[in-house]
Amino acid sequence: MNSRGKMGRQILVINPNSNEAVTAALDRSLERMRFAGGPEITCMTLAEGPLGIETSRQSAELVTPLCNLIARERDKFDAFVVGCFSDPGVIAAREMTNKPVLGLCEAGVSAALNFGERFGILTNMESDANGERRLLRAQGLDARLAGIEAIGVSVTDLQDVPEIRQALLQAARRLERSGAGTVVLGCAGMTPFAERLAEETGLWVVNPVVAAVGLAIAAVVARG
């Protein structure tokens, strides 16, 4: 699955929570991004992370172990993707390497701006929304935000079952009624739902993992 690309370039996607099932889901979602002659894409779990990242404190506590991991791997990999929508440690990691370090929120929302005038975000819990709004303001990405809708399911409880699929669909419809033409998945654990949600809603649904890795591929290919 992770056979080395002919170009010899490598991208590391880091799942900053310790849930191996999430890492496996990220890896599966990126299979289409692996192509002959392209960079190798490796997914790795941050063992020191919590099972699910659901608070600002948890995001802050990840900065040091995440930066330590990137420091250990920076000579091997040509770009890094931090697989969490709160973009923990992204700014700090950029200060310690000249290689691209991409976060899901920044990459996912930047992609969404190309597909519609206004975008919305699907998040896990109501308590997540304020932190996401702060992050968007800090990144200068909030001007075209139509809204943030929670599905009422924690990161650790995300499963591919009818109840959760329905919660995602209903939340996406609420965003559509608020004026969103594009929906960004606000959690790496929502990755398995992206295609079905796009089919059911007819909206652009941005998988931020794919968006971030796409930018990473573009960056390493451009460097030759």
Protein backbone atom coordinates (compact mmCIF):
# COMPACT_ATOMS: atom_id res chain seq x y z
CA MET A 1 0.00 0.00 0.00
CA ASN A 2 2.80 2.40 0.95
CA SER A 3 5.23 1.37 -1.77
CA ARG A 4 7.93 3.95 -2.39
CA GLY A 5 7.18 6.41 -5.17
CA LYS A 6 9.57 6.55 -8.13
CA MET A 7 10.37 10.15 -7.30
CA GLY A 8 11.71 9.09 -3.91
CA ARG A 9 9.58 11.74 -2.17
CA GLN A 10 7.73 10.93 1.04
CA ILE A 11 4.82 12.51 2.88
CA LEU A 12 4.02 11.73 6.50
CA VAL A 13 0.41 12.01 7.68
CA ILE A 14 0.32 12.11 11.48
CA ASN A 15 -2.80 11.12 13.39
CA PRO A 16 -2.23 13.06 16.63
CA ASN A 17 -4.66 10.95 18.61
CA SER A 18 -3.73 7.44 19.68
CA ASN A 19 -6.69 5.74 17.99
CA GLU A 20 -5.25 3.27 15.50
CA ALA A 21 -8.68 2.81 13.88
CA VAL A 22 -8.66 6.49 12.90
CA THR A 23 -5.16 6.11 11.45
CA ALA A 24 -6.33 3.12 9.41
CA ALA A 25 -9.31 5.11 8.11
CA LEU A 26 -7.02 7.97 7.11
CA ASP A 27 -4.77 5.54 5.28
CA ARG A 28 -7.67 4.00 3.36
CA SER A 29 -9.03 7.40 2.35
CA LEU A 30 -5.66 8.30 0.84
CA GLU A 31 -5.29 5.22 -1.34
CA ARG A 32 -6.55 7.17 -4.36
CA MET A 33 -3.78 9.74 -3.77
CA ARG A 34 -1.08 7.12 -4.32
CA PHE A 35 -0.07 6.93 -7.96
CA ALA A 36 2.80 5.61 -10.02
CA GLY A 37 5.73 7.99 -9.86
CA GLY A 38 4.15 10.02 -7.06
CA PRO A 39 5.28 10.52 -3.48
CA GLU A 40 4.92 7.76 -0.93
CA ILE A 41 2.24 8.56 1.66
CA THR A 42 2.74 7.08 5.11
CA CYS A 43 0.25 7.37 7.98
CA MET A 44 1.51 7.27 11.56
CA THR A 45 -0.15 7.41 14.97
CA LEU A 46 1.14 9.72 17.69
CA ALA A 47 1.29 7.27 20.58
CA GLU A 48 1.33 10.04 23.20
CA GLY A 49 -1.97 11.50 22.01
CA PRO A 50 -5.36 10.99 23.67
CA LEU A 51 -7.88 8.58 22.16
CA GLY A 52 -9.79 11.57 20.80
CA ILE A 53 -8.87 15.28 20.65
CA GLU A 54 -11.88 17.19 21.91
CA THR A 55 -10.62 20.15 23.96
CA SER A 56 -8.26 23.08 23.54
CA ARG A 57 -6.18 21.73 26.40
CA GLN A 58 -5.71 18.41 24.62
CA SER A 59 -4.66 20.23 21.46
CA ALA A 60 -2.15 22.32 23.41
CA GLU A 61 -0.69 19.29 25.18
CA LEU A 62 0.01 17.69 21.81
CA VAL A 63 2.37 20.39 20.59
CA THR A 64 5.54 19.08 22.25
CA PRO A 65 5.19 15.36 21.38
CA LEU A 66 4.06 16.24 17.86
CA CYS A 67 7.05 18.53 17.29
CA ASN A 68 9.34 15.88 18.74
CA LEU A 69 7.97 13.34 16.26
CA ILE A 70 8.50 15.71 13.33
CA ALA A 71 12.01 16.48 14.56
CA ARG A 72 12.80 12.76 14.55
CA GLU A 73 11.37 12.26 11.07
CA ARG A 74 12.23 15.51 9.30
CA ASP A 75 15.26 14.08 7.45
CA LYS A 76 13.22 11.17 6.09
CA PHE A 77 10.07 12.95 4.93
CA ASP A 78 9.56 15.83 2.52
CA ALA A 79 6.22 17.11 3.87
CA PHE A 80 4.07 16.62 6.95
CA VAL A 81 0.29 16.63 7.44
CA VAL A 82 -1.15 16.95 10.94
CA GLY A 83 -4.39 14.95 10.82
CA CYS A 84 -6.54 16.90 13.26
CA PHE A 85 -8.97 19.71 12.47
CA SER A 86 -7.73 21.89 15.34
CA ASP A 87 -4.32 22.07 13.58
CA PRO A 88 -2.39 21.34 16.81
CA GLY A 89 1.32 22.11 16.64
CA VAL A 90 1.26 23.18 12.98
CA ILE A 91 2.66 26.68 13.57
CA ALA A 92 5.27 25.42 16.04
CA ALA A 93 6.38 22.67 13.65
CA ARG A 94 6.78 25.16 10.81
CA GLU A 95 9.31 27.00 12.95
CA MET A 96 11.55 23.93 13.14
CA THR A 97 11.62 22.77 9.53
CA ASN A 98 11.63 24.36 6.09
CA LYS A 99 9.56 21.47 4.76
CA PRO A 100 5.80 21.94 4.33
CA VAL A 101 3.67 21.30 7.44
CA LEU A 102 -0.05 21.31 6.68
CA GLY A 103 -3.07 21.31 8.98
CA LEU A 104 -6.54 20.02 8.17
CA CYS A 105 -8.50 23.15 9.03
CA GLU A 106 -6.36 25.54 7.05
CA ALA A 107 -6.09 23.21 4.05
CA GLY A 108 -9.72 22.06 4.11
CA VAL A 109 -11.24 25.52 4.37
CA SER A 110 -8.82 26.93 1.79
CA ALA A 111 -10.00 24.22 -0.60
CA ALA A 112 -13.66 24.93 0.20
CA LEU A 113 -13.25 28.57 -0.79
CA ASN A 114 -12.62 27.42 -4.36
CA PHE A 115 -15.88 25.46 -4.63
CA GLY A 116 -18.49 27.89 -3.40
CA GLU A 117 -19.08 31.41 -2.17
CA ARG A 118 -19.83 30.28 1.39
CA PHE A 119 -18.80 27.19 3.31
CA GLY A 120 -19.95 25.42 6.45
CA ILE A 121 -18.24 23.05 8.84
CA LEU A 122 -19.56 19.82 10.30
CA THR A 123 -18.20 19.31 13.78
CA ASN A 124 -18.64 16.73 16.52
CA MET A 125 -20.03 18.55 19.53
CA GLU A 126 -21.48 22.02 20.14
CA SER A 127 -18.56 22.74 22.45
CA ASP A 128 -16.15 22.41 19.49
CA ALA A 129 -17.61 25.33 17.54
CA ASN A 130 -16.08 28.25 19.44
CA GLY A 131 -12.58 26.84 19.17
CA GLU A 132 -13.03 26.35 15.44
CA ARG A 133 -14.29 29.91 15.02
CA ARG A 134 -11.21 31.21 16.89
CA LEU A 135 -8.96 29.15 14.64
CA LEU A 136 -10.66 30.45 11.49
CA ARG A 137 -10.32 34.05 12.69
CA ALA A 138 -6.63 33.53 13.46
CA GLN A 139 -6.09 32.13 9.96
CA GLY A 140 -8.15 34.84 8.26
CA LEU A 141 -10.59 32.26 6.88
CA ASP A 142 -13.82 33.24 8.61
CA ALA A 143 -15.23 35.87 6.23
CA ARG A 144 -17.19 33.38 4.10
CA LEU A 145 -18.28 31.02 6.89
CA ALA A 146 -22.00 30.21 6.68
CA GLY A 147 -22.04 28.29 9.94
CA ILE A 148 -20.82 25.38 12.02
CA GLU A 149 -23.17 22.50 12.79
CA ALA A 150 -22.56 19.79 15.39
CA ILE A 151 -23.75 16.21 14.95
CA GLY A 152 -23.72 15.46 18.70
CA VAL A 153 -21.26 12.55 18.40
CA SER A 154 -17.83 12.59 20.03
CA VAL A 155 -14.65 11.73 18.13
CA THR A 156 -14.31 8.40 19.88
CA ASP A 157 -17.93 7.41 19.13
CA LEU A 158 -17.84 7.96 15.36
CA GLN A 159 -18.96 4.75 13.66
CA ASP A 160 -20.41 3.98 10.26
CA VAL A 161 -23.93 3.30 11.47
CA PRO A 162 -27.31 4.65 10.22
CA GLU A 163 -27.81 6.98 13.19
CA ILE A 164 -24.53 8.78 12.63
CA ARG A 165 -24.97 8.91 8.86
CA GLN A 166 -28.38 10.51 9.44
CA ALA A 167 -26.94 13.02 11.93
CA LEU A 168 -24.33 14.07 9.37
CA LEU A 169 -26.95 14.39 6.64
CA GLN A 170 -29.26 16.51 8.79
CA ALA A 171 -26.41 18.79 9.89
CA ALA A 172 -25.27 19.22 6.27
CA ARG A 173 -28.83 20.18 5.31
CA ARG A 174 -28.87 22.79 8.08
CA LEU A 175 -25.66 24.26 6.68
CA GLU A 176 -27.19 24.32 3.21
CA ARG A 177 -30.18 26.25 4.55
CA SER A 178 -27.73 28.70 6.12
CA GLY A 179 -26.26 29.38 2.69
CA ALA A 180 -23.34 26.97 2.52
CA GLY A 181 -22.58 25.57 -0.92
CA THR A 182 -19.59 23.64 0.37
CA VAL A 183 -19.30 21.52 3.51
CA VAL A 184 -15.99 20.85 5.23
CA LEU A 185 -15.69 17.79 7.46
CA GLY A 186 -14.43 19.14 10.77
CA CYS A 187 -12.91 15.90 12.06
CA ALA A 188 -10.46 13.41 10.58
CA GLY A 189 -12.70 10.65 11.94
CA MET A 190 -15.46 11.76 9.54
CA THR A 191 -13.31 10.79 6.54
CA PRO A 192 -15.23 7.55 5.75
CA PHE A 193 -18.48 9.50 5.33
CA ALA A 194 -17.29 12.03 2.73
CA GLU A 195 -18.35 10.35 -0.52
CA ARG A 196 -21.76 9.21 0.65
CA LEU A 197 -22.55 12.60 2.15
CA ALA A 198 -21.67 14.32 -1.13
CA GLU A 199 -23.93 11.93 -3.05
CA GLU A 200 -26.85 12.38 -0.66
CA THR A 201 -26.68 16.17 -0.44
CA GLY A 202 -25.41 17.20 -3.87
CA LEU A 203 -23.08 19.62 -2.08
CA TRP A 204 -19.33 19.89 -2.40
CA VAL A 205 -18.02 17.95 0.61
CA VAL A 206 -14.38 18.64 1.39
CA ASN A 207 -12.42 15.88 3.08
CA PRO A 208 -9.70 18.00 4.73
CA VAL A 209 -7.32 15.05 4.88
CA VAL A 210 -7.42 14.71 1.10
CA ALA A 211 -7.14 18.51 0.73
CA ALA A 212 -4.05 18.70 2.95
CA VAL A 213 -2.34 15.72 1.33
CA GLY A 214 -3.15 17.13 -2.11
CA LEU A 215 -1.31 20.34 -1.17
CA ALA A 216 1.56 18.29 0.22
CA ILE A 217 1.84 16.36 -3.04
CA ALA A 218 1.82 19.60 -5.04
CA ALA A 219 4.54 21.03 -2.81
CA VAL A 220 6.93 18.08 -3.04
CA VAL A 221 6.36 17.62 -6.79
CA ALA A 222 7.07 21.32 -7.36
CA ARG A 223 10.37 20.97 -5.53
CA GLY A 224 11.34 18.13 -7.88
